[in-house]
Amino acid sequence: MYSIKEMFYSLQGEGAHTGRPAIFLRFSGCNLWSGLEKHRREAICQFCDTDFIGTDGQNGGKFKDATTLADTVSRLWPSNQQNRYVICTGGEPALQLDTELILAFKDLGFEVGIETNGTLPLPKGIDWICVSPKGRSTVVVKQCHELKLVYPQPDAMPDRFTDIDAGVRYLSPKNPYDSDHLIISEQSSTRACIEYCLAHPQWRLCLQTHKILKID
């Protein structure tokens, strides 16, 4: 049984695949925050802006097996079009994504990507791994195609992750929540990212273009 918050077809808005059409498959649940505001202050990840509770989102639900879920995802892709790509996200998709589901996607011609906090081992067969460390959590995924770090995080500064073998490294400006729920300036976070990237050119600036362009 897979619990899915939502799934939809759109363009990837950030990172190395920016602009690429994809099915976004959002799994319910996370191991770093319950998703409830009353628990945010004590959570390891305190700045998440995503609703990953339950199964009531667009095309969400509970799916009894991998084939059923993969078939449902496939129906969202444009008819008779190739270059199929599904992004497993959350919440934390590694809580549910397994080899059986990956193989079901592959049978339907999908490339499979994942956006993960990196705290859980990943099944084999994933084509694109994006690791986004959060707070004081321990990252166990040490090889990835893309390391995307929300910045600044006092407990997760870039020099903590020099041991991760990543094809490309991105800094993404922190959204307007800090650990005390006070609104902070997005502009200041963006400026901090720019300055860090200029001083450390192994890092690149990552902007959420889907929000800038108001794309779902």
N, C-alpha and C. Protein backbone atom coordinates (compact mmCIF):
# COMPACT_ATOMS: atom_id res chain seq x y z
N MET A 1 0.84 -1.19 0.00
CA MET A 1 0.00 0.00 0.00
C MET A 1 0.89 1.25 0.00
N TYR A 2 0.61 2.16 -0.94
CA TYR A 2 1.32 3.43 -1.02
C TYR A 2 0.36 4.56 -0.72
N SER A 3 0.76 5.48 0.15
CA SER A 3 -0.04 6.65 0.49
C SER A 3 0.50 7.85 -0.25
N ILE A 4 -0.33 8.42 -1.11
CA ILE A 4 0.09 9.51 -1.99
C ILE A 4 -0.73 10.75 -1.68
N LYS A 5 -0.04 11.84 -1.39
CA LYS A 5 -0.71 13.11 -1.14
C LYS A 5 -1.28 13.68 -2.42
N GLU A 6 -0.48 13.69 -3.48
CA GLU A 6 -0.92 14.26 -4.74
C GLU A 6 0.00 13.80 -5.85
N MET A 7 -0.48 13.92 -7.09
CA MET A 7 0.36 13.70 -8.26
C MET A 7 -0.16 14.58 -9.38
N PHE A 8 0.76 15.17 -10.14
CA PHE A 8 0.35 16.08 -11.19
C PHE A 8 1.47 16.23 -12.21
N TYR A 9 1.11 16.68 -13.39
CA TYR A 9 2.04 16.89 -14.50
C TYR A 9 2.38 18.36 -14.58
N SER A 10 3.68 18.67 -14.61
CA SER A 10 4.10 20.07 -14.67
C SER A 10 5.54 20.14 -15.17
N LEU A 11 6.14 21.30 -15.03
CA LEU A 11 7.55 21.49 -15.36
C LEU A 11 8.37 21.53 -14.08
N GLN A 12 9.51 20.86 -14.10
CA GLN A 12 10.43 20.96 -12.97
C GLN A 12 10.88 22.41 -12.84
N GLY A 13 10.79 22.96 -11.63
CA GLY A 13 11.05 24.37 -11.45
C GLY A 13 12.41 24.72 -10.88
N GLU A 14 13.20 23.71 -10.48
CA GLU A 14 14.47 24.02 -9.84
C GLU A 14 15.48 22.91 -10.07
N GLY A 15 16.74 23.27 -9.89
CA GLY A 15 17.80 22.28 -9.99
C GLY A 15 18.22 21.99 -11.42
N ALA A 16 18.92 20.89 -11.59
CA ALA A 16 19.54 20.55 -12.87
C ALA A 16 18.53 20.26 -13.97
N HIS A 17 17.32 19.86 -13.61
CA HIS A 17 16.30 19.53 -14.61
C HIS A 17 15.27 20.64 -14.76
N THR A 18 15.61 21.86 -14.40
CA THR A 18 14.68 22.99 -14.53
C THR A 18 14.13 23.06 -15.95
N GLY A 19 12.82 23.18 -16.04
CA GLY A 19 12.14 23.29 -17.33
C GLY A 19 11.71 21.97 -17.92
N ARG A 20 12.10 20.85 -17.33
CA ARG A 20 11.77 19.54 -17.90
C ARG A 20 10.36 19.12 -17.48
N PRO A 21 9.52 18.69 -18.42
CA PRO A 21 8.22 18.14 -18.06
C PRO A 21 8.38 16.88 -17.21
N ALA A 22 7.53 16.75 -16.20
CA ALA A 22 7.63 15.62 -15.28
C ALA A 22 6.30 15.40 -14.58
N ILE A 23 6.08 14.17 -14.15
CA ILE A 23 5.01 13.86 -13.21
C ILE A 23 5.59 14.00 -11.80
N PHE A 24 4.97 14.82 -10.99
CA PHE A 24 5.37 14.97 -9.60
C PHE A 24 4.53 14.04 -8.75
N LEU A 25 5.17 13.10 -8.09
CA LEU A 25 4.50 12.11 -7.25
C LEU A 25 4.88 12.38 -5.81
N ARG A 26 3.96 13.01 -5.07
CA ARG A 26 4.24 13.40 -3.69
C ARG A 26 3.72 12.36 -2.72
N PHE A 27 4.66 11.69 -2.03
CA PHE A 27 4.30 10.69 -1.02
C PHE A 27 3.92 11.38 0.28
N SER A 28 2.99 10.80 0.99
CA SER A 28 2.60 11.32 2.30
C SER A 28 3.64 10.96 3.35
N GLY A 29 3.78 11.84 4.34
CA GLY A 29 4.63 11.53 5.49
C GLY A 29 6.07 11.97 5.34
N CYS A 30 6.68 12.26 6.49
CA CYS A 30 8.09 12.65 6.55
C CYS A 30 8.66 12.21 7.89
N ASN A 31 9.95 11.93 7.90
CA ASN A 31 10.61 11.50 9.14
C ASN A 31 11.28 12.65 9.89
N LEU A 32 11.17 13.90 9.35
CA LEU A 32 11.80 15.04 10.01
C LEU A 32 10.80 16.06 10.54
N TRP A 33 9.52 15.89 10.20
CA TRP A 33 8.45 16.76 10.70
C TRP A 33 7.12 16.07 10.46
N SER A 34 6.22 16.19 11.42
CA SER A 34 4.90 15.56 11.29
C SER A 34 4.05 16.24 10.23
N GLY A 35 4.39 17.49 9.89
CA GLY A 35 3.56 18.27 8.99
C GLY A 35 2.55 19.14 9.71
N LEU A 36 2.43 18.98 11.02
CA LEU A 36 1.49 19.75 11.83
C LEU A 36 2.19 20.97 12.40
N GLU A 37 1.53 22.12 12.33
CA GLU A 37 2.14 23.35 12.81
C GLU A 37 2.51 23.27 14.30
N LYS A 38 1.71 22.55 15.07
CA LYS A 38 2.00 22.46 16.50
C LYS A 38 3.31 21.73 16.79
N HIS A 39 3.82 20.99 15.81
CA HIS A 39 5.07 20.26 15.98
C HIS A 39 6.25 20.92 15.28
N ARG A 40 6.01 22.03 14.56
CA ARG A 40 7.08 22.62 13.76
C ARG A 40 8.28 23.05 14.61
N ARG A 41 8.02 23.68 15.74
CA ARG A 41 9.10 24.23 16.56
C ARG A 41 10.07 23.14 17.04
N GLU A 42 9.55 21.93 17.28
CA GLU A 42 10.40 20.85 17.78
C GLU A 42 10.95 19.97 16.66
N ALA A 43 10.56 20.24 15.43
CA ALA A 43 10.95 19.38 14.32
C ALA A 43 12.41 19.60 13.92
N ILE A 44 13.00 18.59 13.30
CA ILE A 44 14.34 18.74 12.76
C ILE A 44 14.32 19.69 11.58
N CYS A 45 13.31 19.55 10.72
CA CYS A 45 13.13 20.47 9.60
C CYS A 45 11.98 21.41 9.95
N GLN A 46 12.29 22.69 10.13
CA GLN A 46 11.30 23.65 10.64
C GLN A 46 10.81 24.64 9.59
N PHE A 47 11.31 24.56 8.37
CA PHE A 47 10.97 25.58 7.38
C PHE A 47 10.21 25.03 6.17
N CYS A 48 9.78 23.80 6.24
CA CYS A 48 9.06 23.20 5.10
C CYS A 48 7.78 23.97 4.81
N ASP A 49 7.51 24.20 3.51
CA ASP A 49 6.30 24.91 3.11
C ASP A 49 5.35 24.00 2.32
N THR A 50 5.52 22.69 2.46
CA THR A 50 4.75 21.73 1.67
C THR A 50 3.76 20.96 2.53
N ASP A 51 2.54 20.80 2.02
CA ASP A 51 1.53 19.98 2.69
C ASP A 51 1.70 18.54 2.23
N PHE A 52 2.14 17.66 3.12
CA PHE A 52 2.33 16.26 2.77
C PHE A 52 1.52 15.34 3.69
N ILE A 53 0.52 15.90 4.38
CA ILE A 53 -0.32 15.11 5.28
C ILE A 53 -1.49 14.52 4.52
N GLY A 54 -1.73 13.24 4.72
CA GLY A 54 -2.92 12.61 4.17
C GLY A 54 -2.83 12.31 2.68
N THR A 55 -3.99 12.06 2.09
CA THR A 55 -4.07 11.64 0.68
C THR A 55 -5.13 12.42 -0.08
N ASP A 56 -5.40 13.64 0.37
CA ASP A 56 -6.53 14.39 -0.16
C ASP A 56 -6.16 15.39 -1.24
N GLY A 57 -4.94 15.34 -1.75
CA GLY A 57 -4.52 16.27 -2.79
C GLY A 57 -4.95 15.82 -4.17
N GLN A 58 -4.52 16.57 -5.17
CA GLN A 58 -4.86 16.27 -6.56
C GLN A 58 -4.39 14.86 -6.94
N ASN A 59 -5.32 14.02 -7.35
CA ASN A 59 -5.05 12.63 -7.75
C ASN A 59 -4.44 11.79 -6.62
N GLY A 60 -4.57 12.27 -5.38
CA GLY A 60 -4.02 11.52 -4.26
C GLY A 60 -4.88 10.32 -3.90
N GLY A 61 -4.37 9.52 -2.98
CA GLY A 61 -5.11 8.34 -2.54
C GLY A 61 -4.18 7.27 -2.02
N LYS A 62 -4.77 6.14 -1.69
CA LYS A 62 -4.01 4.95 -1.28
C LYS A 62 -4.05 3.94 -2.42
N PHE A 63 -2.89 3.42 -2.77
CA PHE A 63 -2.77 2.53 -3.92
C PHE A 63 -2.28 1.18 -3.43
N LYS A 64 -2.99 0.15 -3.80
CA LYS A 64 -2.79 -1.17 -3.20
C LYS A 64 -1.48 -1.84 -3.60
N ASP A 65 -0.97 -1.50 -4.79
CA ASP A 65 0.29 -2.13 -5.22
C ASP A 65 1.01 -1.23 -6.21
N ALA A 66 2.23 -1.63 -6.55
CA ALA A 66 3.08 -0.80 -7.41
C ALA A 66 2.50 -0.64 -8.81
N THR A 67 1.93 -1.70 -9.35
CA THR A 67 1.38 -1.64 -10.70
C THR A 67 0.24 -0.64 -10.79
N THR A 68 -0.64 -0.66 -9.79
CA THR A 68 -1.78 0.26 -9.79
C THR A 68 -1.30 1.71 -9.72
N LEU A 69 -0.32 1.98 -8.87
CA LEU A 69 0.18 3.35 -8.74
C LEU A 69 0.90 3.78 -10.02
N ALA A 70 1.74 2.93 -10.57
CA ALA A 70 2.47 3.28 -11.79
C ALA A 70 1.52 3.53 -12.96
N ASP A 71 0.48 2.72 -13.07
CA ASP A 71 -0.51 2.91 -14.14
C ASP A 71 -1.23 4.24 -13.99
N THR A 72 -1.53 4.62 -12.75
CA THR A 72 -2.20 5.90 -12.51
C THR A 72 -1.30 7.06 -12.89
N VAL A 73 -0.04 6.98 -12.52
CA VAL A 73 0.94 8.00 -12.91
C VAL A 73 1.03 8.09 -14.43
N SER A 74 1.08 6.94 -15.09
CA SER A 74 1.24 6.90 -16.54
C SER A 74 0.11 7.61 -17.27
N ARG A 75 -1.08 7.54 -16.72
CA ARG A 75 -2.23 8.17 -17.37
C ARG A 75 -2.16 9.69 -17.35
N LEU A 76 -1.29 10.25 -16.51
CA LEU A 76 -1.13 11.70 -16.47
C LEU A 76 -0.16 12.21 -17.54
N TRP A 77 0.59 11.30 -18.16
CA TRP A 77 1.56 11.71 -19.18
C TRP A 77 0.83 11.93 -20.51
N PRO A 78 1.24 12.93 -21.31
CA PRO A 78 0.58 13.16 -22.60
C PRO A 78 0.60 11.91 -23.48
N SER A 79 -0.51 11.64 -24.13
CA SER A 79 -0.65 10.43 -24.94
C SER A 79 0.39 10.37 -26.05
N ASN A 80 0.98 9.20 -26.20
CA ASN A 80 1.91 8.90 -27.29
C ASN A 80 3.18 9.76 -27.27
N GLN A 81 3.52 10.31 -26.11
CA GLN A 81 4.73 11.11 -25.98
C GLN A 81 5.79 10.35 -25.18
N GLN A 82 7.03 10.51 -25.60
CA GLN A 82 8.15 9.81 -24.97
C GLN A 82 8.78 10.68 -23.88
N ASN A 83 10.02 10.38 -23.51
CA ASN A 83 10.79 11.13 -22.50
C ASN A 83 10.07 11.19 -21.16
N ARG A 84 9.47 10.09 -20.78
CA ARG A 84 8.70 10.04 -19.55
C ARG A 84 9.61 10.18 -18.32
N TYR A 85 9.16 11.02 -17.40
CA TYR A 85 9.96 11.28 -16.20
C TYR A 85 9.02 11.47 -15.02
N VAL A 86 9.28 10.72 -13.94
CA VAL A 86 8.50 10.86 -12.71
C VAL A 86 9.45 11.24 -11.58
N ILE A 87 9.07 12.26 -10.82
CA ILE A 87 9.85 12.72 -9.67
C ILE A 87 9.14 12.28 -8.40
N CYS A 88 9.79 11.47 -7.61
CA CYS A 88 9.24 11.02 -6.33
C CYS A 88 9.68 12.01 -5.26
N THR A 89 8.70 12.64 -4.63
CA THR A 89 9.01 13.69 -3.67
C THR A 89 8.09 13.53 -2.46
N GLY A 90 8.11 14.51 -1.57
CA GLY A 90 7.30 14.38 -0.37
C GLY A 90 7.11 15.73 0.31
N GLY A 91 7.08 15.72 1.65
CA GLY A 91 7.45 14.65 2.56
C GLY A 91 8.81 14.00 2.22
N GLU A 92 8.92 12.77 2.67
CA GLU A 92 10.12 11.99 2.42
C GLU A 92 9.76 10.73 1.65
N PRO A 93 10.03 10.70 0.34
CA PRO A 93 9.62 9.55 -0.48
C PRO A 93 10.33 8.26 -0.13
N ALA A 94 11.53 8.33 0.45
CA ALA A 94 12.26 7.11 0.77
C ALA A 94 11.57 6.27 1.84
N LEU A 95 10.59 6.84 2.53
CA LEU A 95 9.80 6.06 3.48
C LEU A 95 8.94 5.02 2.78
N GLN A 96 8.62 5.25 1.50
CA GLN A 96 7.71 4.35 0.79
C GLN A 96 8.26 3.81 -0.53
N LEU A 97 9.06 4.59 -1.23
CA LEU A 97 9.55 4.15 -2.53
C LEU A 97 10.37 2.87 -2.39
N ASP A 98 10.05 1.89 -3.20
CA ASP A 98 10.75 0.61 -3.13
C ASP A 98 11.09 0.12 -4.53
N THR A 99 11.85 -0.97 -4.58
CA THR A 99 12.29 -1.53 -5.87
C THR A 99 11.11 -1.93 -6.73
N GLU A 100 10.06 -2.47 -6.13
CA GLU A 100 8.91 -2.91 -6.90
C GLU A 100 8.28 -1.75 -7.67
N LEU A 101 8.15 -0.61 -7.02
CA LEU A 101 7.56 0.55 -7.69
C LEU A 101 8.49 1.10 -8.76
N ILE A 102 9.79 1.14 -8.48
CA ILE A 102 10.74 1.60 -9.49
C ILE A 102 10.66 0.74 -10.74
N LEU A 103 10.60 -0.58 -10.56
CA LEU A 103 10.52 -1.48 -11.71
C LEU A 103 9.21 -1.30 -12.47
N ALA A 104 8.13 -1.03 -11.75
CA ALA A 104 6.84 -0.79 -12.40
C ALA A 104 6.91 0.46 -13.27
N PHE A 105 7.58 1.51 -12.78
CA PHE A 105 7.77 2.71 -13.59
C PHE A 105 8.63 2.41 -14.82
N LYS A 106 9.69 1.66 -14.63
CA LYS A 106 10.59 1.34 -15.74
C LYS A 106 9.86 0.55 -16.82
N ASP A 107 8.99 -0.35 -16.42
CA ASP A 107 8.22 -1.14 -17.38
C ASP A 107 7.35 -0.26 -18.25
N LEU A 108 6.99 0.93 -17.75
CA LEU A 108 6.15 1.86 -18.49
C LEU A 108 6.97 2.94 -19.19
N GLY A 109 8.29 2.79 -19.18
CA GLY A 109 9.15 3.70 -19.92
C GLY A 109 9.53 4.97 -19.20
N PHE A 110 9.38 5.01 -17.87
CA PHE A 110 9.70 6.21 -17.11
C PHE A 110 11.16 6.20 -16.63
N GLU A 111 11.80 7.37 -16.70
CA GLU A 111 12.96 7.64 -15.87
C GLU A 111 12.43 8.00 -14.49
N VAL A 112 13.18 7.63 -13.46
CA VAL A 112 12.72 7.84 -12.09
C VAL A 112 13.70 8.74 -11.35
N GLY A 113 13.19 9.85 -10.83
CA GLY A 113 13.98 10.75 -10.00
C GLY A 113 13.44 10.77 -8.58
N ILE A 114 14.27 11.19 -7.65
CA ILE A 114 13.83 11.32 -6.26
C ILE A 114 14.42 12.59 -5.67
N GLU A 115 13.63 13.26 -4.85
CA GLU A 115 14.07 14.39 -4.04
C GLU A 115 13.95 13.95 -2.59
N THR A 116 15.08 13.76 -1.93
CA THR A 116 15.11 13.14 -0.61
C THR A 116 15.97 13.95 0.35
N ASN A 117 15.66 13.82 1.64
CA ASN A 117 16.52 14.47 2.64
C ASN A 117 17.80 13.68 2.91
N GLY A 118 17.89 12.49 2.35
CA GLY A 118 19.13 11.72 2.41
C GLY A 118 19.36 10.96 3.69
N THR A 119 18.35 10.90 4.56
CA THR A 119 18.54 10.24 5.86
C THR A 119 18.24 8.75 5.84
N LEU A 120 17.72 8.25 4.73
CA LEU A 120 17.34 6.84 4.62
C LEU A 120 18.01 6.22 3.39
N PRO A 121 18.40 4.95 3.49
CA PRO A 121 18.97 4.28 2.31
C PRO A 121 17.96 4.25 1.17
N LEU A 122 18.47 4.30 -0.05
CA LEU A 122 17.60 4.32 -1.22
C LEU A 122 17.64 2.98 -1.95
N PRO A 123 16.51 2.58 -2.53
CA PRO A 123 16.52 1.36 -3.35
C PRO A 123 17.30 1.59 -4.64
N LYS A 124 17.72 0.51 -5.25
CA LYS A 124 18.48 0.60 -6.51
C LYS A 124 17.53 0.93 -7.66
N GLY A 125 18.13 1.48 -8.72
CA GLY A 125 17.37 1.69 -9.94
C GLY A 125 16.91 3.11 -10.17
N ILE A 126 17.17 4.03 -9.22
CA ILE A 126 16.75 5.42 -9.38
C ILE A 126 17.71 6.11 -10.35
N ASP A 127 17.16 6.82 -11.33
CA ASP A 127 17.97 7.43 -12.37
C ASP A 127 18.57 8.77 -11.97
N TRP A 128 17.87 9.52 -11.13
CA TRP A 128 18.36 10.84 -10.71
C TRP A 128 18.08 11.03 -9.23
N ILE A 129 19.13 11.23 -8.46
CA ILE A 129 19.02 11.40 -7.01
C ILE A 129 19.39 12.82 -6.65
N CYS A 130 18.44 13.52 -6.05
CA CYS A 130 18.67 14.86 -5.51
C CYS A 130 18.57 14.78 -3.99
N VAL A 131 19.64 15.08 -3.31
CA VAL A 131 19.68 15.05 -1.84
C VAL A 131 19.62 16.48 -1.32
N SER A 132 18.69 16.71 -0.39
CA SER A 132 18.53 18.03 0.22
C SER A 132 18.58 17.88 1.73
N PRO A 133 19.76 18.02 2.35
CA PRO A 133 19.89 17.82 3.79
C PRO A 133 19.11 18.87 4.58
N LYS A 134 18.60 18.45 5.73
CA LYS A 134 17.81 19.33 6.57
C LYS A 134 18.34 19.32 8.01
N GLY A 135 18.64 20.52 8.53
CA GLY A 135 18.96 20.69 9.94
C GLY A 135 20.06 19.77 10.43
N ARG A 136 19.84 19.25 11.62
CA ARG A 136 20.85 18.42 12.27
C ARG A 136 20.75 16.95 11.89
N SER A 137 19.90 16.60 10.95
CA SER A 137 19.72 15.21 10.57
C SER A 137 21.01 14.62 10.01
N THR A 138 21.15 13.32 10.15
CA THR A 138 22.32 12.60 9.65
C THR A 138 22.05 12.10 8.25
N VAL A 139 22.87 12.52 7.31
CA VAL A 139 22.71 12.11 5.91
C VAL A 139 23.49 10.82 5.68
N VAL A 140 22.80 9.80 5.17
CA VAL A 140 23.43 8.51 4.90
C VAL A 140 23.64 8.28 3.41
N VAL A 141 22.98 9.05 2.57
CA VAL A 141 23.17 8.94 1.12
C VAL A 141 24.38 9.80 0.76
N LYS A 142 25.47 9.16 0.41
CA LYS A 142 26.73 9.87 0.21
C LYS A 142 27.09 10.07 -1.26
N GLN A 143 26.29 9.53 -2.17
CA GLN A 143 26.50 9.75 -3.59
C GLN A 143 25.18 10.18 -4.21
N CYS A 144 25.22 11.24 -5.01
CA CYS A 144 24.00 11.73 -5.65
C CYS A 144 24.36 12.49 -6.91
N HIS A 145 23.38 12.69 -7.74
CA HIS A 145 23.59 13.49 -8.94
C HIS A 145 23.54 14.98 -8.61
N GLU A 146 22.74 15.31 -7.61
CA GLU A 146 22.47 16.71 -7.29
C GLU A 146 22.35 16.88 -5.78
N LEU A 147 23.14 17.79 -5.22
CA LEU A 147 23.03 18.16 -3.81
C LEU A 147 22.40 19.55 -3.77
N LYS A 148 21.23 19.65 -3.17
CA LYS A 148 20.50 20.92 -3.13
C LYS A 148 20.26 21.29 -1.67
N LEU A 149 20.98 22.32 -1.23
CA LEU A 149 20.96 22.70 0.17
C LEU A 149 20.20 24.00 0.35
N VAL A 150 19.14 23.96 1.17
CA VAL A 150 18.45 25.19 1.54
C VAL A 150 19.39 26.00 2.43
N TYR A 151 19.52 27.29 2.12
CA TYR A 151 20.54 28.12 2.77
C TYR A 151 19.95 29.48 3.14
N PRO A 152 20.29 29.98 4.32
CA PRO A 152 21.17 29.40 5.35
C PRO A 152 20.41 28.54 6.35
N GLN A 153 21.05 27.49 6.82
CA GLN A 153 20.57 26.67 7.93
C GLN A 153 21.71 26.58 8.95
N PRO A 154 21.53 27.08 10.16
CA PRO A 154 22.62 27.06 11.14
C PRO A 154 23.18 25.67 11.41
N ASP A 155 22.30 24.63 11.33
CA ASP A 155 22.76 23.27 11.61
C ASP A 155 23.14 22.51 10.35
N ALA A 156 23.05 23.15 9.20
CA ALA A 156 23.36 22.46 7.94
C ALA A 156 24.00 23.44 6.98
N MET A 157 25.20 23.89 7.35
CA MET A 157 25.94 24.79 6.48
C MET A 157 26.72 23.96 5.43
N PRO A 158 27.05 24.55 4.32
CA PRO A 158 27.65 23.79 3.21
C PRO A 158 28.88 22.98 3.56
N ASP A 159 29.73 23.49 4.45
CA ASP A 159 30.96 22.76 4.75
C ASP A 159 30.73 21.47 5.52
N ARG A 160 29.50 21.23 5.97
CA ARG A 160 29.17 19.96 6.62
C ARG A 160 29.10 18.81 5.63
N PHE A 161 28.98 19.12 4.33
CA PHE A 161 28.63 18.10 3.35
C PHE A 161 29.71 17.90 2.29
N THR A 162 30.95 18.18 2.67
CA THR A 162 32.05 17.98 1.73
C THR A 162 32.28 16.50 1.43
N ASP A 163 31.76 15.61 2.30
CA ASP A 163 31.95 14.18 2.09
C ASP A 163 30.95 13.58 1.12
N ILE A 164 29.99 14.37 0.67
CA ILE A 164 29.00 13.86 -0.27
C ILE A 164 29.52 14.03 -1.70
N ASP A 165 29.51 12.94 -2.44
CA ASP A 165 29.94 12.94 -3.84
C ASP A 165 28.73 13.33 -4.70
N ALA A 166 28.71 14.58 -5.17
CA ALA A 166 27.58 15.09 -5.93
C ALA A 166 28.05 15.61 -7.28
N GLY A 167 27.24 15.35 -8.32
CA GLY A 167 27.58 15.84 -9.64
C GLY A 167 27.51 17.35 -9.73
N VAL A 168 26.55 17.95 -9.03
CA VAL A 168 26.39 19.40 -9.01
C VAL A 168 25.84 19.80 -7.65
N ARG A 169 26.23 20.98 -7.17
CA ARG A 169 25.84 21.45 -5.85
C ARG A 169 25.08 22.78 -5.99
N TYR A 170 23.91 22.83 -5.37
CA TYR A 170 23.07 24.02 -5.44
C TYR A 170 22.77 24.56 -4.05
N LEU A 171 22.69 25.88 -3.96
CA LEU A 171 22.14 26.54 -2.78
C LEU A 171 20.80 27.14 -3.15
N SER A 172 19.79 26.85 -2.35
CA SER A 172 18.44 27.34 -2.58
C SER A 172 18.04 28.27 -1.43
N PRO A 173 17.63 29.50 -1.71
CA PRO A 173 17.30 30.43 -0.63
C PRO A 173 16.21 29.89 0.28
N LYS A 174 16.42 30.03 1.58
CA LYS A 174 15.47 29.56 2.58
C LYS A 174 14.16 30.34 2.47
N ASN A 175 13.06 29.63 2.62
CA ASN A 175 11.76 30.29 2.55
C ASN A 175 11.50 31.11 3.82
N PRO A 176 10.41 31.87 3.87
CA PRO A 176 10.23 32.85 4.97
C PRO A 176 9.79 32.29 6.32
N TYR A 177 10.39 31.18 6.75
CA TYR A 177 10.17 30.67 8.10
C TYR A 177 11.52 30.49 8.75
N ASP A 178 11.66 30.97 9.96
CA ASP A 178 12.85 30.60 10.71
C ASP A 178 12.41 29.71 11.86
N SER A 179 13.33 29.35 12.73
CA SER A 179 13.03 28.37 13.77
C SER A 179 12.01 28.87 14.79
N ASP A 180 11.75 30.17 14.81
CA ASP A 180 10.77 30.71 15.74
C ASP A 180 9.50 31.18 15.03
N HIS A 181 9.32 30.71 13.78
CA HIS A 181 8.13 31.05 12.99
C HIS A 181 8.06 32.52 12.63
N LEU A 182 9.14 33.24 12.74
CA LEU A 182 9.13 34.64 12.38
C LEU A 182 9.42 34.79 10.89
N ILE A 183 8.74 35.71 10.26
CA ILE A 183 8.99 35.95 8.86
C ILE A 183 10.38 36.58 8.68
N ILE A 184 11.14 36.03 7.77
CA ILE A 184 12.44 36.60 7.44
C ILE A 184 12.39 37.07 5.99
N SER A 185 13.38 37.77 5.59
CA SER A 185 13.41 38.32 4.24
C SER A 185 13.91 37.29 3.25
N GLU A 186 13.09 36.97 2.26
CA GLU A 186 13.55 36.09 1.19
C GLU A 186 14.71 36.73 0.43
N GLN A 187 14.63 38.05 0.30
CA GLN A 187 15.71 38.74 -0.40
C GLN A 187 17.04 38.56 0.32
N SER A 188 17.02 38.57 1.65
CA SER A 188 18.27 38.41 2.38
C SER A 188 18.81 36.99 2.23
N SER A 189 17.92 35.99 2.19
CA SER A 189 18.37 34.62 1.96
C SER A 189 18.96 34.46 0.56
N THR A 190 18.30 35.07 -0.41
CA THR A 190 18.81 35.00 -1.78
C THR A 190 20.17 35.68 -1.89
N ARG A 191 20.31 36.85 -1.27
CA ARG A 191 21.59 37.55 -1.28
C ARG A 191 22.67 36.72 -0.60
N ALA A 192 22.32 36.05 0.50
CA ALA A 192 23.30 35.20 1.19
C ALA A 192 23.75 34.06 0.29
N CYS A 193 22.82 33.48 -0.46
CA CYS A 193 23.17 32.40 -1.39
C CYS A 193 24.10 32.91 -2.48
N ILE A 194 23.76 34.07 -3.04
CA ILE A 194 24.59 34.65 -4.10
C ILE A 194 26.01 34.87 -3.60
N GLU A 195 26.13 35.47 -2.43
CA GLU A 195 27.45 35.78 -1.90
C GLU A 195 28.24 34.51 -1.61
N TYR A 196 27.56 33.47 -1.09
CA TYR A 196 28.28 32.23 -0.80
C TYR A 196 28.74 31.58 -2.09
N CYS A 197 27.89 31.55 -3.11
CA CYS A 197 28.26 30.93 -4.38
C CYS A 197 29.44 31.67 -5.03
N LEU A 198 29.43 32.98 -4.95
CA LEU A 198 30.53 33.74 -5.53
C LEU A 198 31.84 33.46 -4.81
N ALA A 199 31.75 33.24 -3.51
CA ALA A 199 32.96 32.94 -2.72
C ALA A 199 33.36 31.48 -2.80
N HIS A 200 32.43 30.61 -3.16
CA HIS A 200 32.68 29.17 -3.22
C HIS A 200 32.07 28.65 -4.53
N PRO A 201 32.77 28.81 -5.64
CA PRO A 201 32.18 28.56 -6.96
C PRO A 201 31.87 27.11 -7.29
N GLN A 202 32.13 26.19 -6.36
CA GLN A 202 31.65 24.83 -6.57
C GLN A 202 30.14 24.74 -6.34
N TRP A 203 29.57 25.78 -5.74
CA TRP A 203 28.13 25.86 -5.51
C TRP A 203 27.48 26.77 -6.54
N ARG A 204 26.22 26.45 -6.89
CA ARG A 204 25.46 27.23 -7.85
C ARG A 204 24.16 27.70 -7.19
N LEU A 205 23.65 28.83 -7.63
CA LEU A 205 22.39 29.35 -7.12
C LEU A 205 21.22 28.59 -7.75
N CYS A 206 20.27 28.20 -6.92
CA CYS A 206 19.07 27.50 -7.37
C CYS A 206 17.85 28.31 -6.97
N LEU A 207 17.06 28.75 -7.94
CA LEU A 207 15.83 29.49 -7.67
C LEU A 207 14.62 28.63 -8.03
N GLN A 208 13.53 28.84 -7.32
CA GLN A 208 12.29 28.10 -7.59
C GLN A 208 11.52 28.82 -8.68
N THR A 209 11.88 28.53 -9.93
CA THR A 209 11.29 29.25 -11.05
C THR A 209 9.80 29.00 -11.20
N HIS A 210 9.32 27.84 -10.73
CA HIS A 210 7.89 27.56 -10.82
C HIS A 210 7.08 28.54 -9.97
N LYS A 211 7.68 28.98 -8.85
CA LYS A 211 6.99 29.99 -8.01
C LYS A 211 7.10 31.38 -8.64
N ILE A 212 8.26 31.66 -9.21
CA ILE A 212 8.44 32.96 -9.86
C ILE A 212 7.47 33.11 -11.03
N LEU A 213 7.29 32.02 -11.80
CA LEU A 213 6.41 32.06 -12.97
C LEU A 213 4.97 31.68 -12.65
N LYS A 214 4.74 31.31 -11.36
CA LYS A 214 3.40 30.93 -10.91
C LYS A 214 2.89 29.70 -11.69
N ILE A 215 3.76 28.71 -11.82
CA ILE A 215 3.41 27.42 -12.43
C ILE A 215 3.12 26.43 -11.32
N ASP A 216 2.03 25.70 -11.40
CA ASP A 216 1.70 24.70 -10.39
C ASP A 216 2.71 23.55 -10.41
